[in-house]
Amino acid sequence: MLFSNGVPTADVPFKRLDVPFRDESSRFRFTAQNDYSKQFAHIYAARLGQMRALLESKAKDKWGDKYPLKKMFELKEDFTEKCILVGTLFKHQQLKPSILRDISEETQLAPQPPRFNFVDEEDMLILEDELQRIRLVGKLDVHHMVTGVVCAVLGRDSYEDGAGKFTVEEYLFYEGGPQKPLTDLTNDPLLVLISGLDQSSPNDFSMSLELFQQWMFGNIDSFNKTDDLEAASIVRIIVAGNSVRSSFEVKQRSNLTRQPESEITLRAVNSVDEILSHWVKSSPVDLMSGEFDPANFMLPQQPMHHCMFPKSFRSKNLRCVTNPYSCNIADRSIVGTSGQNVLDIQRYSKIEDGLEALKVSLVWSHLAPTSPDTLPCYPYYQKDPFIIDECPHVYFAGNMNEFKTDLYQGANGQRTRLVCIPAFSKTQAVAVVNLRTLACKSLSFRLSSDFEL
């Protein structure tokens, strides 16, 4: 037994790896009074302004000086030569939720069935810049795009049926930008990613949490003697949101007693505090806010207040952090969210796979491209904090239905470990990333009849 209640025993020394750590989430934190007098159009203006310089340079590297780079107001009916446009995609969707449509439907006698995807065959793509917009046709697949993506397109203008259209022959995105090369490591530091603890859930998975804790403490050697997931190599645990609850609905723990929502939430917060108070005795823990946690709703979500976790916050190992979250561990750049960005991309496109949605957001170089159109965010007007201008080494999203991972390899040699972290309350599984090799595995703590400690 290496640990007893999270404390190393005297007869067996146990020392975790110590690697450099740096929080890089300052751009997601509020440092001044937010200006709510600004309209959300300023976000798109700031996004396009930042991305234009990056994409124009990338377009020149790909297409050279063969094709002119033009603004939309420079397009004329008699100009039919190929040119390059840079702008923000707007996806016109008839099925997109509208408050006016919702109000009108409420007056109908027949209830409207709920929708979980808003794609229609009549959807169309429109490219916008600072002054004008034009409809896109051609190679850019409307069903695999969402509103808010900035791209460069190569093609030619045409006037069919008296309406201006731009026929896309080629296109490019920033694809995450440049990436710092991996430095050599002499050890195998492990990053543990967990999400969806959902302590307001009536389902009892406390034994699975206890099993995870015992593995983390070093009381369980390994699930598989061939793997290299040693507890002493864990350098940090990131809890990617929805620790208190995983839906707006407050689930009653008993049909016989109806507890007030505030009481259920309070008990859930206390339960999270109790869990973390044990974890922080063993390892540094970064607690991210989630969609349904007691934090602000709009992105970027600010850290949950430490007063909610009086037991665990006594330790310096607990850090309440933002969503999205960015840090550097062992000279590896780590970026991730609690999953809202991935789920929203799936709602407004035909991208059904969460891992693919995570990948395209990296290719688009934006953490939350659908903000503020369908994903709420603060009205930034000077700089868009969600732009990915430097490709991370690990990019994750929490609260997914299942564990999935892939190694993204960019056109310029970038290598990024993509990780969909499963909700622990549903799967009793976590993701573990080896920061030396970027290899990633899933560990399941679901109890079975043949498992023995």
Protein backbone atom coordinates (compact mmCIF):
# COMPACT_ATOMS: atom_id res chain seq x y z
CA MET A 1 0.00 0.00 0.00
CA LEU A 2 1.67 3.18 -1.18
CA PHE A 3 -0.95 5.58 0.10
CA SER A 4 -3.36 5.70 2.98
CA ASN A 5 -6.14 8.25 2.52
CA GLY A 6 -3.96 10.08 0.03
CA VAL A 7 -0.93 10.30 2.34
CA PRO A 8 2.30 8.36 1.54
CA THR A 9 3.23 5.68 4.03
CA ALA A 10 6.55 5.95 5.83
CA ASP A 11 7.98 2.56 4.80
CA VAL A 12 7.53 2.94 1.02
CA PRO A 13 8.77 6.20 -0.55
CA PHE A 14 6.53 7.62 -3.24
CA LYS A 15 7.49 10.69 -5.19
CA ARG A 16 5.68 12.09 -8.18
CA LEU A 17 7.38 13.55 -11.20
CA ASP A 18 7.96 17.26 -10.99
CA VAL A 19 7.70 19.06 -14.33
CA PRO A 20 7.46 22.76 -15.24
CA PHE A 21 3.94 24.21 -15.39
CA ARG A 22 2.65 27.53 -16.67
CA ASP A 23 -0.92 28.85 -16.87
CA GLU A 24 -1.53 30.48 -20.25
CA SER A 25 -5.23 31.33 -19.85
CA SER A 26 -4.87 35.04 -19.17
CA ARG A 27 -6.66 35.92 -22.42
CA PHE A 28 -9.77 34.15 -21.15
CA ARG A 29 -9.90 36.03 -17.83
CA PHE A 30 -11.79 39.26 -17.32
CA THR A 31 -9.39 41.98 -16.26
CA ALA A 32 -11.60 45.02 -16.81
CA GLN A 33 -15.24 46.01 -16.94
CA ASN A 34 -16.93 44.47 -19.95
CA ASP A 35 -18.53 46.89 -22.38
CA TYR A 36 -22.01 45.55 -23.06
CA SER A 37 -22.90 48.58 -25.16
CA LYS A 38 -21.01 47.01 -28.05
CA GLN A 39 -22.88 44.87 -30.55
CA PHE A 40 -21.81 41.34 -31.34
CA ALA A 41 -20.85 42.40 -34.87
CA HIS A 42 -17.66 43.77 -33.34
CA ILE A 43 -16.58 40.21 -32.51
CA TYR A 44 -16.68 39.23 -36.17
CA ALA A 45 -14.84 42.42 -37.13
CA ALA A 46 -12.09 41.70 -34.59
CA ARG A 47 -11.91 38.05 -35.67
CA LEU A 48 -11.62 38.89 -39.35
CA GLY A 49 -9.07 41.60 -38.65
CA GLN A 50 -6.82 39.18 -36.73
CA MET A 51 -7.25 36.27 -39.12
CA ARG A 52 -6.92 38.27 -42.35
CA ALA A 53 -3.20 38.95 -41.92
CA LEU A 54 -2.56 35.29 -41.06
CA LEU A 55 -4.55 33.93 -44.00
CA GLU A 56 -3.24 36.42 -46.56
CA SER A 57 0.31 35.35 -45.71
CA LYS A 58 -0.68 31.68 -45.94
CA ALA A 59 -2.51 32.27 -49.25
CA LYS A 60 0.57 33.92 -50.71
CA ASP A 61 2.70 30.94 -49.69
CA LYS A 62 0.26 28.53 -51.38
CA TRP A 63 -0.80 30.41 -54.51
CA GLY A 64 2.02 32.94 -54.87
CA ASP A 65 1.40 36.11 -56.86
CA LYS A 66 -0.43 34.33 -59.66
CA TYR A 67 -3.85 35.39 -58.42
CA PRO A 68 -4.77 38.87 -57.11
CA LEU A 69 -6.04 39.27 -53.55
CA LYS A 70 -9.21 41.34 -53.69
CA LYS A 71 -11.89 42.82 -51.47
CA MET A 72 -15.50 42.10 -52.38
CA PHE A 73 -16.27 45.67 -53.40
CA GLU A 74 -13.60 45.32 -56.09
CA LEU A 75 -15.50 42.53 -57.84
CA LYS A 76 -17.22 43.68 -60.99
CA GLU A 77 -19.46 42.02 -63.56
CA ASP A 78 -16.85 42.32 -66.29
CA PHE A 79 -14.10 40.86 -64.07
CA THR A 80 -14.10 37.07 -64.52
CA GLU A 81 -10.47 36.24 -63.74
CA LYS A 82 -9.57 34.08 -60.76
CA CYS A 83 -8.90 35.93 -57.52
CA ILE A 84 -8.57 35.34 -53.78
CA LEU A 85 -11.08 36.52 -51.18
CA VAL A 86 -10.69 36.42 -47.41
CA GLY A 87 -13.79 36.62 -45.25
CA THR A 88 -16.02 35.13 -42.58
CA LEU A 89 -18.47 32.38 -43.45
CA PHE A 90 -22.13 32.89 -42.68
CA LYS A 91 -24.32 29.81 -42.99
CA HIS A 92 -27.88 30.67 -43.92
CA GLN A 93 -30.06 28.03 -42.24
CA GLN A 94 -33.82 28.04 -42.38
CA LEU A 95 -34.05 25.69 -39.39
CA LYS A 96 -31.78 27.74 -37.14
CA PRO A 97 -33.59 28.59 -33.86
CA SER A 98 -35.28 31.98 -33.87
CA ILE A 99 -37.03 33.59 -30.92
CA LEU A 100 -39.67 35.07 -33.25
CA ARG A 101 -40.34 31.65 -34.76
CA ASP A 102 -40.51 30.09 -31.29
CA ILE A 103 -43.11 32.64 -30.18
CA SER A 104 -45.22 32.04 -33.29
CA GLU A 105 -45.06 28.26 -32.81
CA GLU A 106 -46.29 28.63 -29.24
CA THR A 107 -49.60 29.94 -30.61
CA GLN A 108 -50.16 26.78 -32.61
CA LEU A 109 -52.22 23.99 -31.15
CA ALA A 110 -49.93 21.19 -32.32
CA PRO A 111 -46.66 21.06 -30.32
CA GLN A 112 -43.47 21.21 -32.36
CA PRO A 113 -41.05 18.30 -31.85
CA PRO A 114 -37.68 19.29 -30.36
CA ARG A 115 -34.73 19.49 -32.75
CA PHE A 116 -31.19 18.42 -32.00
CA ASN A 117 -29.75 19.22 -35.42
CA PHE A 118 -30.61 22.20 -37.62
CA VAL A 119 -29.18 21.18 -41.00
CA ASP A 120 -31.32 21.40 -44.12
CA GLU A 121 -30.57 20.66 -47.76
CA GLU A 122 -31.41 24.27 -48.63
CA ASP A 123 -28.64 25.68 -46.43
CA MET A 124 -26.22 28.02 -48.21
CA LEU A 125 -22.85 29.61 -47.50
CA ILE A 126 -22.20 33.34 -47.70
CA LEU A 127 -18.81 35.00 -47.40
CA GLU A 128 -18.66 38.34 -45.60
CA ASP A 129 -15.95 40.95 -45.20
CA GLU A 130 -15.99 44.42 -43.62
CA LEU A 131 -18.30 45.88 -46.27
CA GLN A 132 -20.06 43.29 -48.39
CA ARG A 133 -21.15 39.69 -48.74
CA ILE A 134 -21.41 37.21 -51.58
CA ARG A 135 -22.87 33.73 -51.90
CA LEU A 136 -20.39 30.86 -52.30
CA VAL A 137 -20.89 27.88 -54.60
CA GLY A 138 -18.48 25.19 -55.68
CA LYS A 139 -16.10 22.98 -53.73
CA LEU A 140 -16.73 24.29 -50.21
CA ASP A 141 -19.14 21.80 -48.58
CA VAL A 142 -21.91 23.78 -46.89
CA HIS A 143 -22.87 20.89 -44.61
CA HIS A 144 -19.38 20.64 -43.10
CA MET A 145 -19.09 24.35 -42.35
CA VAL A 146 -20.56 26.58 -39.64
CA THR A 147 -21.07 30.29 -39.20
CA GLY A 148 -18.04 32.21 -37.94
CA VAL A 149 -15.22 30.39 -39.72
CA VAL A 150 -12.66 32.66 -41.41
CA CYS A 151 -11.16 31.30 -44.62
CA ALA A 152 -9.51 32.25 -47.90
CA VAL A 153 -11.14 31.11 -51.14
CA LEU A 154 -9.77 30.98 -54.67
CA GLY A 155 -12.22 31.20 -57.54
CA ARG A 156 -14.07 33.55 -59.81
CA ASP A 157 -17.10 35.78 -59.62
CA SER A 158 -20.13 34.99 -61.75
CA TYR A 159 -23.51 36.57 -62.25
CA GLU A 160 -26.10 33.87 -62.74
CA ASP A 161 -29.76 34.84 -62.88
CA GLY A 162 -28.73 38.41 -62.14
CA ALA A 163 -27.27 37.46 -58.73
CA GLY A 164 -23.59 37.58 -57.88
CA LYS A 165 -22.01 34.28 -56.85
CA PHE A 166 -18.44 33.27 -56.20
CA THR A 167 -17.47 29.85 -57.51
CA VAL A 168 -14.89 28.33 -55.15
CA GLU A 169 -12.21 26.18 -56.79
CA GLU A 170 -9.81 25.98 -53.83
CA TYR A 171 -9.87 27.13 -50.22
CA LEU A 172 -7.63 27.18 -47.18
CA PHE A 173 -7.78 27.67 -43.43
CA TYR A 174 -5.05 28.65 -41.01
CA GLU A 175 -4.85 25.05 -39.70
CA GLY A 176 -3.77 25.86 -36.18
CA GLY A 177 -0.77 27.95 -37.16
CA PRO A 178 2.87 27.15 -36.35
CA GLN A 179 3.81 24.76 -33.58
CA LYS A 180 6.79 24.71 -31.26
CA PRO A 181 8.82 21.50 -31.67
CA LEU A 182 8.61 18.92 -28.92
CA THR A 183 11.54 18.96 -26.53
CA ASP A 184 13.07 15.65 -25.47
CA LEU A 185 11.97 14.28 -22.10
CA THR A 186 13.78 11.65 -20.07
CA ASN A 187 10.62 10.52 -18.27
CA ASP A 188 6.97 9.86 -19.07
CA PRO A 189 4.81 12.49 -17.36
CA LEU A 190 1.12 11.63 -17.46
CA LEU A 191 -1.74 14.11 -17.83
CA VAL A 192 -5.09 12.78 -16.59
CA LEU A 193 -8.21 14.22 -18.23
CA ILE A 194 -11.59 13.68 -16.58
CA SER A 195 -14.97 15.38 -17.02
CA GLY A 196 -18.64 15.11 -16.14
CA LEU A 197 -18.44 14.13 -12.46
CA ASP A 198 -22.12 15.25 -12.27
CA GLN A 199 -22.55 15.04 -8.50
CA SER A 200 -26.22 16.03 -8.73
CA SER A 201 -26.94 12.83 -10.64
CA PRO A 202 -29.07 10.22 -8.85
CA ASN A 203 -26.86 7.46 -10.25
CA ASP A 204 -24.39 6.16 -7.73
CA PHE A 205 -20.93 5.72 -9.24
CA SER A 206 -19.06 6.55 -6.04
CA MET A 207 -17.28 3.20 -6.07
CA SER A 208 -15.88 3.96 -9.52
CA LEU A 209 -14.63 7.32 -8.23
CA GLU A 210 -13.07 5.53 -5.27
CA LEU A 211 -11.39 3.08 -7.64
CA PHE A 212 -10.00 5.96 -9.70
CA GLN A 213 -8.75 7.60 -6.53
CA GLN A 214 -7.00 4.45 -5.37
CA TRP A 215 -5.28 4.11 -8.75
CA MET A 216 -4.22 7.74 -8.57
CA PHE A 217 -2.86 7.20 -5.05
CA GLY A 218 -0.77 4.25 -6.24
CA ASN A 219 -2.75 1.59 -4.39
CA ILE A 220 -3.45 -0.24 -7.65
CA ASP A 221 -0.39 -1.18 -9.65
CA SER A 222 -2.02 -1.32 -13.06
CA PHE A 223 -5.06 -2.58 -14.93
CA ASN A 224 -2.81 -4.13 -17.51
CA LYS A 225 0.70 -5.26 -16.69
CA THR A 226 1.85 -4.27 -20.19
CA ASP A 227 0.90 -0.59 -19.99
CA ASP A 228 3.04 2.23 -18.59
CA LEU A 229 0.38 4.12 -16.66
CA GLU A 230 2.19 4.38 -13.36
CA ALA A 231 0.53 6.53 -10.71
CA ALA A 232 3.82 8.15 -9.76
CA SER A 233 4.04 9.60 -13.27
CA ILE A 234 0.81 11.63 -12.94
CA VAL A 235 1.83 15.28 -12.99
CA ARG A 236 -1.59 16.95 -13.24
CA ILE A 237 -5.32 16.24 -13.39
CA ILE A 238 -7.62 18.45 -15.46
CA VAL A 239 -11.33 18.24 -14.63
CA ALA A 240 -13.05 19.46 -17.78
CA GLY A 241 -16.37 20.82 -16.53
CA ASN A 242 -19.84 19.66 -15.44
CA SER A 243 -18.59 18.52 -12.06
CA VAL A 244 -21.72 19.66 -10.24
CA ARG A 245 -24.33 18.71 -12.83
CA SER A 246 -24.56 17.75 -16.50
CA SER A 247 -27.93 19.22 -17.50
CA PHE A 248 -30.30 22.04 -16.65
CA GLU A 249 -32.74 19.52 -15.24
CA VAL A 250 -32.44 18.98 -11.49
CA LYS A 251 -32.82 15.24 -10.98
CA GLN A 252 -34.52 14.22 -7.77
CA ARG A 253 -32.72 11.56 -5.80
CA SER A 254 -35.97 10.11 -4.55
CA ASN A 255 -39.53 10.10 -5.82
CA LEU A 256 -40.78 10.22 -2.23
CA THR A 257 -38.97 13.44 -1.28
CA ARG A 258 -38.79 16.55 -3.42
CA GLN A 259 -35.76 18.59 -2.50
CA PRO A 260 -35.40 22.23 -3.50
CA GLU A 261 -33.01 22.90 -6.37
CA SER A 262 -30.71 24.97 -4.16
CA GLU A 263 -30.38 22.10 -1.69
CA ILE A 264 -29.51 19.61 -4.41
CA THR A 265 -26.93 21.97 -5.89
CA LEU A 266 -25.41 22.67 -2.48
CA ARG A 267 -25.05 18.97 -1.74
CA ALA A 268 -23.50 18.42 -5.16
CA VAL A 269 -20.97 21.23 -4.62
CA ASN A 270 -20.08 19.82 -1.20
CA SER A 271 -19.63 16.40 -2.78
CA VAL A 272 -17.26 17.82 -5.41
CA ASP A 273 -15.32 19.57 -2.63
CA GLU A 274 -15.02 16.30 -0.71
CA ILE A 275 -13.75 14.44 -3.78
CA LEU A 276 -11.20 17.09 -4.68
CA SER A 277 -9.98 17.39 -1.10
CA HIS A 278 -8.60 13.86 -1.45
CA TRP A 279 -7.22 14.27 -4.96
CA VAL A 280 -5.23 17.41 -4.14
CA LYS A 281 -3.34 15.55 -1.44
CA SER A 282 -1.75 13.53 -4.20
CA SER A 283 -1.65 15.62 -7.39
CA PRO A 284 -2.21 19.14 -8.75
CA VAL A 285 -5.80 19.52 -9.98
CA ASP A 286 -7.17 22.12 -12.41
CA LEU A 287 -10.95 22.47 -12.09
CA MET A 288 -12.60 23.94 -15.19
CA SER A 289 -16.06 25.47 -15.26
CA GLY A 290 -18.65 23.64 -17.36
CA GLU A 291 -21.88 24.44 -19.15
CA PHE A 292 -24.06 23.46 -16.18
CA ASP A 293 -21.73 24.32 -13.32
CA PRO A 294 -22.40 27.27 -10.96
CA ALA A 295 -20.42 29.75 -13.05
CA ASN A 296 -21.21 32.36 -15.69
CA PHE A 297 -22.96 30.86 -18.71
CA MET A 298 -21.33 32.76 -21.58
CA LEU A 299 -17.88 31.86 -22.88
CA PRO A 300 -15.25 32.23 -21.71
CA GLN A 301 -16.53 30.86 -18.42
CA GLN A 302 -14.66 32.26 -15.46
CA PRO A 303 -13.28 30.03 -12.69
CA MET A 304 -15.74 28.81 -10.10
CA HIS A 305 -15.22 30.70 -6.86
CA HIS A 306 -12.87 28.99 -4.42
CA CYS A 307 -15.30 29.67 -1.56
CA MET A 308 -17.42 26.81 -2.88
CA PHE A 309 -14.60 24.37 -2.13
CA PRO A 310 -13.37 25.19 1.41
CA LYS A 311 -11.86 21.74 2.08
CA SER A 312 -9.93 21.26 -1.13
CA PHE A 313 -8.89 24.89 -1.51
CA ARG A 314 -6.78 24.62 1.63
CA SER A 315 -4.27 22.92 -0.61
CA LYS A 316 -2.28 24.87 -3.17
CA ASN A 317 -2.75 21.93 -5.52
CA LEU A 318 -6.29 23.02 -6.45
CA ARG A 319 -6.68 25.66 -9.13
CA CYS A 320 -10.08 26.81 -10.37
CA VAL A 321 -9.55 27.76 -14.01
CA THR A 322 -11.40 29.10 -17.02
CA ASN A 323 -13.25 27.37 -19.83
CA PRO A 324 -11.60 27.35 -22.38
CA TYR A 325 -8.35 26.56 -20.62
CA SER A 326 -4.75 26.81 -21.81
CA CYS A 327 -1.57 25.80 -20.03
CA ASN A 328 1.94 24.53 -20.63
CA ILE A 329 3.07 21.31 -18.94
CA ALA A 330 6.55 19.88 -19.44
CA ASP A 331 7.00 22.27 -22.38
CA ARG A 332 3.83 20.88 -24.02
CA SER A 333 1.06 23.28 -24.99
CA ILE A 334 -2.33 22.09 -23.68
CA VAL A 335 -5.61 23.67 -24.81
CA GLY A 336 -9.15 22.48 -24.24
CA THR A 337 -12.77 23.17 -23.42
CA SER A 338 -15.59 21.61 -21.46
CA GLY A 339 -17.22 20.55 -24.73
CA GLN A 340 -19.76 23.27 -25.61
CA ASN A 341 -17.88 24.22 -28.78
CA VAL A 342 -17.85 20.67 -30.14
CA LEU A 343 -21.52 20.02 -29.38
CA ASP A 344 -22.55 23.27 -31.06
CA ILE A 345 -20.61 22.44 -34.23
CA GLN A 346 -22.43 19.11 -34.35
CA ARG A 347 -25.82 20.82 -34.01
CA TYR A 348 -25.31 23.12 -36.99
CA SER A 349 -23.51 20.83 -39.42
CA LYS A 350 -23.53 17.24 -40.62
CA ILE A 351 -20.42 16.51 -38.60
CA GLU A 352 -21.79 13.82 -36.30
CA ASP A 353 -18.53 12.62 -34.78
CA GLY A 354 -17.29 14.64 -31.83
CA LEU A 355 -13.66 13.88 -32.65
CA GLU A 356 -14.13 15.18 -36.20
CA ALA A 357 -15.79 18.35 -34.84
CA LEU A 358 -12.81 18.84 -32.52
CA LYS A 359 -10.42 18.36 -35.43
CA VAL A 360 -12.13 20.84 -37.77
CA SER A 361 -12.16 23.52 -35.07
CA LEU A 362 -8.37 23.14 -34.95
CA VAL A 363 -8.17 23.31 -38.75
CA TRP A 364 -10.38 26.43 -38.65
CA SER A 365 -8.04 27.81 -35.94
CA HIS A 366 -10.88 28.81 -33.65
CA LEU A 367 -12.00 27.35 -30.33
CA ALA A 368 -15.62 28.48 -30.70
CA PRO A 369 -16.41 29.52 -34.28
CA THR A 370 -20.18 29.45 -33.69
CA SER A 371 -19.87 32.16 -31.01
CA PRO A 372 -21.71 34.47 -30.74
CA ASP A 373 -24.19 33.25 -33.39
CA THR A 374 -25.46 30.15 -31.60
CA LEU A 375 -23.00 29.75 -28.70
CA PRO A 376 -23.18 32.60 -26.16
CA CYS A 377 -20.02 34.57 -25.50
CA TYR A 378 -19.05 37.98 -24.16
CA PRO A 379 -19.16 40.94 -26.60
CA TYR A 380 -15.46 41.33 -27.28
CA TYR A 381 -14.73 44.18 -29.65
CA GLN A 382 -10.95 44.64 -29.59
CA LYS A 383 -9.58 41.10 -29.82
CA ASP A 384 -11.07 37.63 -30.23
CA PRO A 385 -9.55 35.42 -27.47
CA PHE A 386 -10.73 32.17 -29.09
CA ILE A 387 -8.42 32.31 -32.11
CA ILE A 388 -5.82 29.50 -32.22
CA ASP A 389 -2.75 31.24 -33.61
CA GLU A 390 -0.30 28.65 -32.32
CA CYS A 391 -0.98 24.95 -32.74
CA PRO A 392 -1.17 23.12 -29.36
CA HIS A 393 0.35 19.73 -28.66
CA VAL A 394 -2.79 18.47 -26.86
CA TYR A 395 -6.30 19.67 -27.71
CA PHE A 396 -9.24 18.25 -25.74
CA ALA A 397 -12.97 18.56 -25.24
CA GLY A 398 -14.82 17.30 -22.19
CA ASN A 399 -18.25 15.76 -21.59
CA MET A 400 -18.36 13.65 -24.73
CA ASN A 401 -20.47 10.51 -25.06
CA GLU A 402 -17.42 8.28 -25.46
CA PHE A 403 -13.66 8.34 -25.45
CA LYS A 404 -12.05 9.03 -28.81
CA THR A 405 -8.59 10.15 -29.76
CA ASP A 406 -6.48 10.78 -32.84
CA LEU A 407 -3.14 12.32 -33.75
CA TYR A 408 -3.71 15.28 -36.04
CA GLN A 409 -0.84 15.94 -38.44
CA GLY A 410 -0.92 19.33 -40.14
CA ALA A 411 0.42 20.31 -43.53
CA ASN A 412 3.41 22.03 -41.94
CA GLY A 413 4.42 19.13 -39.71
CA GLN A 414 2.21 19.95 -36.72
CA ARG A 415 1.36 17.00 -34.45
CA THR A 416 -1.55 17.46 -32.06
CA ARG A 417 -3.12 14.86 -29.82
CA LEU A 418 -6.91 15.24 -30.07
CA VAL A 419 -8.87 13.87 -27.11
CA CYS A 420 -12.62 13.53 -26.57
CA ILE A 421 -12.97 13.04 -22.81
CA PRO A 422 -15.98 10.88 -21.88
CA ALA A 423 -18.36 12.04 -19.17
CA PHE A 424 -17.35 10.06 -16.08
CA SER A 425 -20.91 9.87 -14.75
CA LYS A 426 -21.92 7.92 -17.88
CA THR A 427 -18.82 5.92 -18.72
CA GLN A 428 -16.69 5.79 -15.55
CA ALA A 429 -13.67 6.35 -17.80
CA VAL A 430 -10.83 8.88 -17.98
CA ALA A 431 -8.24 9.76 -20.60
CA VAL A 432 -4.51 9.61 -19.86
CA VAL A 433 -1.96 11.35 -22.10
CA ASN A 434 1.74 10.53 -22.06
CA LEU A 435 3.32 13.97 -22.53
CA ARG A 436 6.59 12.55 -23.82
CA THR A 437 5.11 10.57 -26.72
CA LEU A 438 1.64 12.20 -26.92
CA ALA A 439 0.17 8.70 -26.77
CA CYS A 440 -3.30 8.58 -25.22
CA LYS A 441 -5.22 5.78 -23.54
CA SER A 442 -8.57 5.40 -21.85
CA LEU A 443 -8.88 3.85 -18.40
CA SER A 444 -12.25 2.47 -17.35
CA PHE A 445 -13.18 2.33 -13.67
CA ARG A 446 -16.54 0.69 -14.22
CA LEU A 447 -16.88 -2.06 -11.64
CA SER A 448 -17.20 -5.63 -12.85
CA SER A 449 -17.64 -8.92 -11.03
CA ASP A 450 -14.17 -10.18 -11.99
CA PHE A 451 -12.23 -7.12 -10.83
CA GLU A 452 -10.16 -7.42 -7.67
CA LEU A 453 -8.01 -4.83 -5.90
